[in-house]
Amino acid sequence: MNYIQIIGYMAAFGTTISFLPQAVKTIRTKDTSGISLLMYTCFTLGTALWLTYGLLSSQYPVAVANAITFVFAATILIYKIKYK
């Protein structure tokens, strides 16, 4: 692994882990009143597309980060739809 990949994985870790507190809070409280449905729908779709791009282009830091972020974003989106 070279330094460019290490930087990629570090960036992926930082941006991905930033969604964890929101996901945990949403799951615990089921309160999604402060979350925009349109924003999370667009964000989740965008994350899925970045994941696809990362896989198809063999950009594994991009793929890994977006796979994890997709799970968090999709969870929040599901809660937003379920607990309006």
C-alpha atoms as a PDB file:
ATOM      1  CA  MET A   1       0.000   0.000   0.000  1.00  0.00           C
ATOM      2  CA  ASN A   2       1.443   3.365  -1.000  1.00  0.00           C
ATOM      3  CA  TYR A   3       1.013   6.743   0.658  1.00  0.00           C
ATOM      4  CA  ILE A   4      -1.729   7.803  -1.788  1.00  0.00           C
ATOM      5  CA  GLN A   5      -3.849   4.802  -0.800  1.00  0.00           C
ATOM      6  CA  ILE A   6      -3.174   5.500   2.869  1.00  0.00           C
ATOM      7  CA  ILE A   7      -4.372   9.087   2.420  1.00  0.00           C
ATOM      8  CA  GLY A   8      -7.458   7.749   0.620  1.00  0.00           C
ATOM      9  CA  TYR A   9      -8.278   5.338   3.416  1.00  0.00           C
ATOM     10  CA  MET A  10      -7.706   8.029   6.057  1.00  0.00           C
ATOM     11  CA  ALA A  11     -10.053  10.403   4.202  1.00  0.00           C
ATOM     12  CA  ALA A  12     -12.584   7.603   3.814  1.00  0.00           C
ATOM     13  CA  PHE A  13     -12.422   6.828   7.521  1.00  0.00           C
ATOM     14  CA  GLY A  14     -12.890  10.465   8.530  1.00  0.00           C
ATOM     15  CA  THR A  15     -15.867  11.184   6.305  1.00  0.00           C
ATOM     16  CA  THR A  16     -17.512   7.827   6.944  1.00  0.00           C
ATOM     17  CA  ILE A  17     -17.217   7.887  10.728  1.00  0.00           C
ATOM     18  CA  SER A  18     -18.838  11.342  10.765  1.00  0.00           C
ATOM     19  CA  PHE A  19     -22.199   9.702   9.968  1.00  0.00           C
ATOM     20  CA  LEU A  20     -22.081   7.322  12.917  1.00  0.00           C
ATOM     21  CA  PRO A  21     -23.320   9.782  15.597  1.00  0.00           C
ATOM     22  CA  GLN A  22     -26.339  10.785  13.482  1.00  0.00           C
ATOM     23  CA  ALA A  23     -27.200   7.173  12.704  1.00  0.00           C
ATOM     24  CA  VAL A  24     -26.929   6.141  16.372  1.00  0.00           C
ATOM     25  CA  LYS A  25     -29.012   9.129  17.516  1.00  0.00           C
ATOM     26  CA  THR A  26     -31.677   8.466  14.891  1.00  0.00           C
ATOM     27  CA  ILE A  27     -31.899   4.777  15.784  1.00  0.00           C
ATOM     28  CA  ARG A  28     -32.091   5.494  19.522  1.00  0.00           C
ATOM     29  CA  THR A  29     -34.600   8.347  19.436  1.00  0.00           C
ATOM     30  CA  LYS A  30     -36.461   7.631  16.183  1.00  0.00           C
ATOM     31  CA  ASP A  31     -36.577  11.438  15.871  1.00  0.00           C
ATOM     32  CA  THR A  32     -36.057  12.472  12.263  1.00  0.00           C
ATOM     33  CA  SER A  33     -37.815  15.844  12.433  1.00  0.00           C
ATOM     34  CA  GLY A  34     -34.616  17.781  11.767  1.00  0.00           C
ATOM     35  CA  ILE A  35     -33.617  15.678   8.767  1.00  0.00           C
ATOM     36  CA  SER A  36     -34.555  16.572   5.198  1.00  0.00           C
ATOM     37  CA  LEU A  37     -36.134  13.667   3.294  1.00  0.00           C
ATOM     38  CA  LEU A  38     -35.061  15.090  -0.065  1.00  0.00           C
ATOM     39  CA  MET A  39     -31.484  15.638   1.098  1.00  0.00           C
ATOM     40  CA  TYR A  40     -31.112  12.110   2.498  1.00  0.00           C
ATOM     41  CA  THR A  41     -32.741  10.589  -0.588  1.00  0.00           C
ATOM     42  CA  CYS A  42     -30.300  12.417  -2.868  1.00  0.00           C
ATOM     43  CA  PHE A  43     -27.359  11.702  -0.572  1.00  0.00           C
ATOM     44  CA  THR A  44     -28.141   7.979  -0.336  1.00  0.00           C
ATOM     45  CA  LEU A  45     -28.489   7.725  -4.108  1.00  0.00           C
ATOM     46  CA  GLY A  46     -25.238   9.636  -4.589  1.00  0.00           C
ATOM     47  CA  THR A  47     -23.458   7.362  -2.135  1.00  0.00           C
ATOM     48  CA  ALA A  48     -24.714   4.295  -4.010  1.00  0.00           C
ATOM     49  CA  LEU A  49     -23.389   5.765  -7.245  1.00  0.00           C
ATOM     50  CA  TRP A  50     -19.989   6.549  -5.667  1.00  0.00           C
ATOM     51  CA  LEU A  51     -19.885   2.980  -4.374  1.00  0.00           C
ATOM     52  CA  THR A  52     -20.595   1.674  -7.867  1.00  0.00           C
ATOM     53  CA  TYR A  53     -17.938   3.967  -9.318  1.00  0.00           C
ATOM     54  CA  GLY A  54     -15.379   2.827  -6.739  1.00  0.00           C
ATOM     55  CA  LEU A  55     -16.047  -0.822  -7.494  1.00  0.00           C
ATOM     56  CA  LEU A  56     -16.041  -0.445 -11.277  1.00  0.00           C
ATOM     57  CA  SER A  57     -12.855   1.641 -11.285  1.00  0.00           C
ATOM     58  CA  SER A  58     -11.073  -0.449  -8.611  1.00  0.00           C
ATOM     59  CA  GLN A  59     -10.815   2.605  -6.350  1.00  0.00           C
ATOM     60  CA  TYR A  60     -11.128   0.644  -3.144  1.00  0.00           C
ATOM     61  CA  PRO A  61     -10.901   3.521  -0.645  1.00  0.00           C
ATOM     62  CA  VAL A  62     -13.840   5.125  -2.475  1.00  0.00           C
ATOM     63  CA  ALA A  63     -15.759   1.838  -2.568  1.00  0.00           C
ATOM     64  CA  VAL A  64     -15.185   0.953   1.088  1.00  0.00           C
ATOM     65  CA  ALA A  65     -16.026   4.419   2.390  1.00  0.00           C
ATOM     66  CA  ASN A  66     -19.183   4.654   0.347  1.00  0.00           C
ATOM     67  CA  ALA A  67     -20.315   1.139   1.191  1.00  0.00           C
ATOM     68  CA  ILE A  68     -20.197   1.971   4.886  1.00  0.00           C
ATOM     69  CA  THR A  69     -21.644   5.456   4.416  1.00  0.00           C
ATOM     70  CA  PHE A  70     -24.436   3.984   2.286  1.00  0.00           C
ATOM     71  CA  VAL A  71     -25.449   1.705   5.161  1.00  0.00           C
ATOM     72  CA  PHE A  72     -25.569   4.647   7.587  1.00  0.00           C
ATOM     73  CA  ALA A  73     -27.378   6.959   5.144  1.00  0.00           C
ATOM     74  CA  ALA A  74     -29.871   4.295   4.084  1.00  0.00           C
ATOM     75  CA  THR A  75     -30.623   3.521   7.728  1.00  0.00           C
ATOM     76  CA  ILE A  76     -31.312   7.180   8.460  1.00  0.00           C
ATOM     77  CA  LEU A  77     -33.412   7.449   5.288  1.00  0.00           C
ATOM     78  CA  ILE A  78     -35.475   4.390   6.247  1.00  0.00           C
ATOM     79  CA  TYR A  79     -36.087   5.839   9.700  1.00  0.00           C
ATOM     80  CA  LYS A  80     -37.051   9.176   8.143  1.00  0.00           C
ATOM     81  CA  ILE A  81     -39.648   7.470   5.956  1.00  0.00           C
ATOM     82  CA  LYS A  82     -40.880   5.097   8.675  1.00  0.00           C
ATOM     83  CA  TYR A  83     -41.077   7.582  11.572  1.00  0.00           C
ATOM     84  CA  LYS A  84     -42.253  10.792   9.835  1.00  0.00           C
END
